């Protein structure tokens, strides 16, 4: 603070001395006027220091305090911002981990579902094959039965034809009577 006052005083002296020098060129200046001006200047400086010294000192002290307080608050804000940044970065890391966990879980579930679908399709394939096999066997059996029936009918027709050729009408009548007799016995 004193340095500021001294600096202001030096500036005022320089301004005053240049003004005095300019006046003395025009007026020729005497030593008496020089002394009067220096005393006048000293009184002015004394009055300025006396009355403005303390308020200026207070002003600059308050200004210094305000600047220091602003710097302190800025540092605190910077620390808080860095803390917040760290928290956000940690949360982002956690979110990245959560996203990765979700992706891993989804992948695992997808693989399980894929395996289940493959297993179900294998079971369905086996069931379809078994059903096709059963259908084929049934169709083969039906075809065999139809062939047997046809073979039996053909055999009967051939037998009838041969019998007709070999059997006489008397033998036919006799066989007819025996067949009727057998049928009647079965009914009873």
Protein backbone atom coordinates (compact mmCIF):
# COMPACT_ATOMS: atom_id res chain seq x y z
CA UNK A 1 0.00 0.00 0.00
CA UNK A 2 2.82 2.37 0.85
CA UNK A 3 4.41 1.61 -2.49
CA UNK A 4 1.24 2.74 -4.21
CA UNK A 5 1.15 5.97 -2.25
CA UNK A 6 4.82 6.63 -3.01
CA UNK A 7 4.19 5.90 -6.68
CA UNK A 8 1.23 8.29 -6.78
CA UNK A 9 3.32 10.91 -4.97
CA UNK A 10 6.15 10.57 -7.49
CA UNK A 11 3.72 10.93 -10.35
CA UNK A 12 2.18 14.04 -8.81
CA UNK A 13 5.67 15.53 -8.21
CA UNK A 14 6.62 14.84 -11.82
CA UNK A 15 3.44 16.43 -13.13
CA UNK A 16 3.84 19.40 -10.78
CA UNK A 17 7.51 19.88 -11.64
CA UNK A 18 6.77 19.82 -15.37
CA UNK A 19 4.02 22.37 -14.77
CA UNK A 20 6.40 24.51 -12.68
CA UNK A 21 9.09 24.24 -15.34
CA UNK A 22 6.64 25.32 -18.00
CA UNK A 23 5.53 28.27 -15.82
CA UNK A 24 9.03 29.31 -14.98
CA UNK A 25 9.92 29.51 -18.68
CA UNK A 26 7.13 32.00 -19.19
CA UNK A 27 7.56 33.96 -16.01
CA UNK A 28 11.23 33.57 -15.45
CA UNK A 29 10.46 31.96 -12.03
CA UNK A 30 12.10 32.91 -8.80
CA UNK A 31 13.40 30.76 -6.03
CA UNK A 32 10.68 32.08 -3.79
CA UNK A 33 7.97 30.86 -6.16
CA UNK A 34 9.73 27.52 -6.36
CA UNK A 35 9.73 27.08 -2.63
CA UNK A 36 6.14 28.26 -2.40
CA UNK A 37 5.10 25.71 -5.01
CA UNK A 38 7.04 22.87 -3.35
CA UNK A 39 5.48 23.67 0.05
CA UNK A 40 2.12 23.92 -1.63
CA UNK A 41 2.72 20.56 -3.29
CA UNK A 42 3.92 18.98 -0.02
CA UNK A 43 0.79 20.22 1.76
CA UNK A 44 -1.32 18.81 -1.05
CA UNK A 45 0.43 15.44 -0.80
CA UNK A 46 0.10 15.48 3.00
CA UNK A 47 -3.62 16.27 2.78
CA UNK A 48 -4.15 13.58 0.15
CA UNK A 49 -2.25 11.02 2.22
CA UNK A 50 -3.98 12.10 5.44
CA UNK A 51 -7.52 12.00 4.08
CA UNK A 52 -7.29 9.52 1.21
CA UNK A 53 -4.60 7.25 2.62
CA UNK A 54 -6.83 5.28 4.98
CA UNK A 55 -9.82 4.98 2.58
CA UNK A 56 -7.51 3.96 -0.27
CA UNK A 57 -5.78 1.52 2.03
CA UNK A 58 -9.17 0.09 3.06
CA UNK A 59 -10.33 0.00 -0.56
CA UNK A 60 -7.25 -1.85 -1.72
CA UNK A 61 -7.40 -4.19 1.31
CA UNK A 62 -11.04 -4.96 0.55
CA UNK A 63 -10.20 -5.41 -3.11
CA UNK A 64 -7.36 -7.76 -2.18
CA UNK A 65 -9.69 -9.67 0.16
CA UNK A 66 -12.34 -9.91 -2.55
CA UNK A 67 -9.82 -11.18 -5.10
CA UNK A 68 -8.44 -13.73 -2.62
CA UNK A 69 -11.97 -14.82 -1.78
CA UNK A 70 -12.80 -15.15 -5.49
CA UNK A 71 -9.65 -17.20 -6.04
CA UNK A 72 -10.52 -19.41 -3.06
CA UNK A 73 -14.10 -19.87 -4.29
CA UNK A 74 -12.81 -20.63 -7.78
CA UNK A 75 -10.49 -23.28 -6.39
CA UNK A 76 -13.32 -24.79 -4.36
CA UNK A 77 -15.57 -24.75 -7.42
CA UNK A 78 -12.79 -26.36 -9.44
CA UNK A 79 -12.39 -29.08 -6.80
CA UNK A 80 -16.14 -29.66 -6.71
CA UNK A 81 -16.23 -29.82 -10.51
CA UNK A 82 -13.36 -32.32 -10.52
CA UNK A 83 -15.17 -34.41 -7.89
CA UNK A 84 -18.35 -34.29 -9.93
CA UNK A 85 -16.37 -35.23 -13.04
CA UNK A 86 -14.85 -38.20 -11.23
CA UNK A 87 -18.27 -39.30 -10.03
CA UNK A 88 -19.69 -39.01 -13.53
CA UNK A 89 -16.74 -40.96 -14.96
CA UNK A 90 -17.23 -43.68 -12.32
CA UNK A 91 -20.94 -43.80 -13.10
CA UNK A 92 -20.13 -44.07 -16.80
CA UNK A 93 -17.75 -46.93 -16.06
CA UNK A 94 -20.50 -48.61 -14.04
CA UNK A 95 -22.99 -48.00 -16.85
CA UNK A 96 -20.52 -49.44 -19.37
CA UNK A 97 -20.14 -52.49 -17.13
CA UNK A 98 -23.93 -52.77 -16.77
CA UNK A 99 -24.36 -52.52 -20.54
CA UNK A 100 -21.70 -55.20 -21.04
CA UNK A 101 -23.39 -57.40 -18.42
CA UNK A 102 -26.74 -56.94 -20.16
CA UNK A 103 -25.17 -57.80 -23.52
CA UNK A 104 -23.48 -60.87 -22.03
CA UNK A 105 -26.73 -61.98 -20.40
CA UNK A 106 -28.68 -61.43 -23.62
CA UNK A 107 -26.06 -63.39 -25.55
CA UNK A 108 -26.19 -66.23 -23.02
CA UNK A 109 -30.00 -66.29 -23.12
CA UNK A 110 -29.90 -66.23 -26.92
CA UNK A 111 -27.53 -69.18 -26.98
CA UNK A 112 -29.74 -71.07 -24.51
CA UNK A 113 -32.82 -70.35 -26.61
CA UNK A 114 -30.94 -71.42 -29.74
CA UNK A 115 -29.96 -74.70 -28.06
CA UNK A 116 -33.55 -75.19 -26.87
CA UNK A 117 -34.93 -74.51 -30.37
CA UNK A 118 -32.45 -76.98 -31.87
CA UNK A 119 -33.37 -79.57 -29.25
CA UNK A 120 -37.10 -79.00 -29.83
CA UNK A 121 -36.65 -79.23 -33.59
CA UNK A 122 -34.70 -82.49 -33.18
CA UNK A 123 -37.54 -83.90 -31.05
CA UNK A 124 -40.10 -82.71 -33.59
CA UNK A 125 -38.04 -84.22 -36.41
CA UNK A 126 -37.88 -87.56 -34.59
CA UNK A 127 -41.61 -87.41 -33.91
CA UNK A 128 -42.36 -86.62 -37.57
CA UNK A 129 -40.06 -89.43 -38.71
CA UNK A 130 -41.70 -91.84 -36.26
CA UNK A 131 -45.15 -90.80 -37.43
CA UNK A 132 -44.10 -91.14 -41.07
CA UNK A 133 -42.69 -94.58 -40.29
CA UNK A 134 -45.96 -95.57 -38.59
CA UNK A 135 -47.97 -94.23 -41.54
CA UNK A 136 -45.77 -96.12 -43.99
CA UNK A 137 -46.11 -99.32 -41.98
CA UNK A 138 -49.88 -98.85 -41.83
CA UNK A 139 -50.06 -98.19 -45.59
CA UNK A 140 -47.87 -101.24 -46.28
CA UNK A 141 -50.09 -103.38 -44.03
CA UNK A 142 -53.21 -102.04 -45.75
CA UNK A 143 -51.66 -102.72 -49.14
CA UNK A 144 -50.67 -106.25 -48.04
CA UNK A 145 -54.17 -106.87 -46.68
CA UNK A 146 -55.66 -105.56 -49.93
CA UNK A 147 -53.32 -107.80 -51.92
CA UNK A 148 -54.17 -110.80 -49.72
CA UNK A 149 -57.87 -110.10 -50.10
CA UNK A 150 -57.46 -109.78 -53.83
CA UNK A 151 -55.33 -112.92 -53.90
CA UNK A 152 -57.97 -114.77 -51.86
CA UNK A 153 -60.74 -113.55 -54.19
CA UNK A 154 -58.70 -114.60 -57.21
CA UNK A 155 -58.00 -117.95 -55.58
CA UNK A 156 -61.67 -118.38 -54.83
CA UNK A 157 -62.58 -117.43 -58.38
CA UNK A 158 -60.01 -119.84 -59.74
CA UNK A 159 -61.20 -122.53 -57.35
CA UNK A 160 -64.79 -121.90 -58.32
CA UNK A 161 -63.89 -122.05 -61.96
CA UNK A 162 -61.98 -125.29 -61.52
CA UNK A 163 -64.69 -126.72 -59.36
CA UNK A 164 -67.33 -125.78 -61.88
CA UNK A 165 -65.36 -127.50 -64.51
CA UNK A 166 -64.80 -130.62 -62.40
CA UNK A 167 -67.94 -130.82 -60.34
CA UNK A 168 -71.04 -132.23 -61.78
CA UNK A 169 -74.49 -130.83 -61.05
CA UNK A 170 -75.20 -133.68 -58.65
CA UNK A 171 -72.10 -133.01 -56.65
CA UNK A 172 -73.05 -129.34 -56.59
CA UNK A 173 -76.43 -130.16 -55.13
CA UNK A 174 -74.85 -132.42 -52.54
CA UNK A 175 -72.31 -129.69 -51.52
CA UNK A 176 -75.09 -127.12 -51.33
CA UNK A 177 -77.10 -129.33 -48.97
CA UNK A 178 -74.08 -129.94 -46.76
CA UNK A 179 -73.30 -126.21 -46.60
CA UNK A 180 -76.89 -125.43 -45.60
CA UNK A 181 -76.72 -128.07 -42.92
CA UNK A 182 -73.46 -126.64 -41.51
CA UNK A 183 -74.87 -123.10 -41.48
CA UNK A 184 -78.01 -124.26 -39.64
CA UNK A 185 -75.93 -126.01 -37.03
CA UNK A 186 -73.92 -122.90 -36.43
CA UNK A 187 -77.01 -120.80 -35.94
CA UNK A 188 -78.26 -123.15 -33.22
